C-alpha atoms as a PDB file:
ATOM      1  CA  MET A   1     -36.159  22.289  21.074  1.00  0.00           C
ATOM      2  CA  CYS A   2     -37.488  24.042  18.013  1.00  0.00           C
ATOM      3  CA  LEU A   3     -38.235  22.039  14.860  1.00  0.00           C
ATOM      4  CA  ARG A   4     -35.850  24.153  12.761  1.00  0.00           C
ATOM      5  CA  THR A   5     -33.034  23.575  15.211  1.00  0.00           C
ATOM      6  CA  LEU A   6     -33.654  19.847  15.057  1.00  0.00           C
ATOM      7  CA  GLN A   7     -33.702  19.927  11.248  1.00  0.00           C
ATOM      8  CA  ARG A   8     -30.350  21.739  11.181  1.00  0.00           C
ATOM      9  CA  ARG A   9     -28.819  19.195  13.548  1.00  0.00           C
ATOM     10  CA  VAL A  10     -30.079  16.300  11.437  1.00  0.00           C
ATOM     11  CA  LYS A  11     -28.718  17.960   8.283  1.00  0.00           C
ATOM     12  CA  ARG A  12     -25.274  18.354   9.913  1.00  0.00           C
ATOM     13  CA  LEU A  13     -25.295  14.722  11.056  1.00  0.00           C
ATOM     14  CA  GLU A  14     -26.257  13.494   7.596  1.00  0.00           C
ATOM     15  CA  ALA A  15     -23.578  15.647   5.958  1.00  0.00           C
ATOM     16  CA  GLY A  16     -20.995  14.224   8.352  1.00  0.00           C
ATOM     17  CA  GLU A  17     -21.822  10.675   7.277  1.00  0.00           C
ATOM     18  CA  LYS A  18     -21.235  11.341   3.580  1.00  0.00           C
ATOM     19  CA  PRO A  19     -17.822  10.254   2.348  1.00  0.00           C
ATOM     20  CA  ARG A  20     -15.597  13.181   1.521  1.00  0.00           C
ATOM     21  CA  PRO A  21     -14.047  13.158  -1.932  1.00  0.00           C
ATOM     22  CA  SER A  22     -10.378  12.251  -2.049  1.00  0.00           C
ATOM     23  CA  PRO A  23      -7.783  14.844  -3.045  1.00  0.00           C
ATOM     24  CA  PHE A  24      -7.602  13.182  -6.470  1.00  0.00           C
ATOM     25  CA  ALA A  25     -11.357  13.598  -6.967  1.00  0.00           C
ATOM     26  CA  ARG A  26     -11.249  17.216  -5.782  1.00  0.00           C
ATOM     27  CA  TRP A  27      -8.260  18.242  -7.898  1.00  0.00           C
ATOM     28  CA  TYR A  28      -8.760  16.172 -11.068  1.00  0.00           C
ATOM     29  CA  GLY A  29     -12.350  14.911 -10.949  1.00  0.00           C
ATOM     30  CA  SER A  30     -11.315  11.286 -10.398  1.00  0.00           C
ATOM     31  CA  PHE A  31      -8.319   9.109  -9.756  1.00  0.00           C
ATOM     32  CA  ASP A  32      -8.366   7.854 -13.352  1.00  0.00           C
ATOM     33  CA  ALA A  33      -8.399  11.426 -14.668  1.00  0.00           C
ATOM     34  CA  TRP A  34      -5.282  12.128 -12.601  1.00  0.00           C
ATOM     35  CA  VAL A  35      -3.518   9.077 -14.030  1.00  0.00           C
ATOM     36  CA  GLU A  36      -4.479  10.052 -17.579  1.00  0.00           C
ATOM     37  CA  SER A  37      -3.569  13.727 -17.269  1.00  0.00           C
ATOM     38  CA  GLN A  38      -0.442  13.515 -15.108  1.00  0.00           C
ATOM     39  CA  ILE A  39       1.049  10.034 -14.897  1.00  0.00           C
ATOM     40  CA  LEU A  40       0.719   8.670 -18.442  1.00  0.00           C
ATOM     41  CA  PRO A  41       2.142  11.794 -20.133  1.00  0.00           C
ATOM     42  CA  SER A  42       5.055  11.784 -17.665  1.00  0.00           C
ATOM     43  CA  ILE A  43       5.803   8.144 -18.508  1.00  0.00           C
ATOM     44  CA  GLU A  44       5.680   8.926 -22.233  1.00  0.00           C
ATOM     45  CA  ARG A  45       8.097  11.856 -21.780  1.00  0.00           C
ATOM     46  CA  GLY A  46      10.454   9.608 -19.819  1.00  0.00           C
ATOM     47  CA  GLU A  47      10.072  11.597 -16.592  1.00  0.00           C
ATOM     48  CA  LEU A  48       8.703   8.590 -14.691  1.00  0.00           C
ATOM     49  CA  ASP A  49       9.771   4.961 -14.885  1.00  0.00           C
ATOM     50  CA  GLY A  50       6.785   2.925 -16.044  1.00  0.00           C
ATOM     51  CA  ALA A  51       7.648  -0.135 -13.952  1.00  0.00           C
ATOM     52  CA  ASP A  52       8.155   1.777 -10.715  1.00  0.00           C
ATOM     53  CA  ILE A  53       5.202   4.125 -11.042  1.00  0.00           C
ATOM     54  CA  ILE A  54       2.778   1.211 -11.474  1.00  0.00           C
ATOM     55  CA  VAL A  55       3.509   0.175  -7.893  1.00  0.00           C
ATOM     56  CA  VAL A  56       3.082   3.743  -6.645  1.00  0.00           C
ATOM     57  CA  VAL A  57      -0.176   4.269  -8.551  1.00  0.00           C
ATOM     58  CA  ALA A  58      -1.550   0.942  -7.269  1.00  0.00           C
ATOM     59  CA  ALA A  59      -0.760   1.946  -3.675  1.00  0.00           C
ATOM     60  CA  LEU A  60      -2.331   5.383  -4.145  1.00  0.00           C
ATOM     61  CA  ARG A  61      -5.419   3.846  -5.757  1.00  0.00           C
ATOM     62  CA  ARG A  62      -5.828   1.516  -2.757  1.00  0.00           C
ATOM     63  CA  TRP A  63      -5.328   4.502  -0.432  1.00  0.00           C
ATOM     64  CA  GLU A  64      -8.072   6.392  -2.268  1.00  0.00           C
ATOM     65  CA  GLU A  65     -10.533   3.472  -2.528  1.00  0.00           C
ATOM     66  CA  ASP A  66     -10.142   2.491   1.125  1.00  0.00           C
ATOM     67  CA  GLY A  67     -10.570   6.084   2.282  1.00  0.00           C
ATOM     68  CA  LEU A  68      -7.287   5.976   4.169  1.00  0.00           C
ATOM     69  CA  TRP A  69      -6.461   9.483   2.939  1.00  0.00           C
ATOM     70  CA  ALA A  70      -9.146  10.781   5.321  1.00  0.00           C
ATOM     71  CA  MET A  71      -7.186   9.440   8.296  1.00  0.00           C
ATOM     72  CA  ALA A  72      -3.912  11.078   7.278  1.00  0.00           C
END
């Protein structure tokens, strides 16, 4: 096996081990940026119920932190 071929294989293996960014990180830069740009303004406008959305945001944050989104 050629050295370059081996280097490419190692690079692919290393890239596969890196955690992929969550959809929140890809779309908004971070989970907190999503909350600040989408959720909080919607609560202030009365589009979302503050009490209910806290539960939803907490579940989504856990989903993002645990990496469960990658298994979906």
